[in-house]
Amino acid sequence: MILLVEGHRYPFERIKELFPNVDELDVVDGVASVNYVGYYYYAIKGTPVFILPKVVIDQHDNVFGVEGLRPEDIIELTDSSNKLTQGQRQIIYGLSVWIHRAIAVHR
């Protein structure tokens, strides 16, 4: 699973492959941000992409208020270098399952 945070500024090169239609991003001087919340399946990599609301970061860009945990550190949820705790990962997986079920019910 790929995790991004709404409004966070990522190096464009780091996330451009996730958005083949670059119009979906705000790109300025090699930095890109996604200005919406959502969830989609990235077929090329065979993984879901989850765009979390900006309320998950504080004024210092710490995810979940954890000092030093930045959005760019958690992009690849399954990466061994991902700094999320097991509990934080379970919250995100649970949220993604909930969204998937909500979409299935309302189709």
Foldseek 3Di string as FASTA:
>chain_A
DFEAEAPDKDQCVVCVVVPVPCVQWDDDPRITGHHDFDKDADVVVRGIYGYHYNVQADPVQAGVPDPPQHRVLCGDVPDPSRPDDPVVSVVVVVVVVVVVVVVVVVD
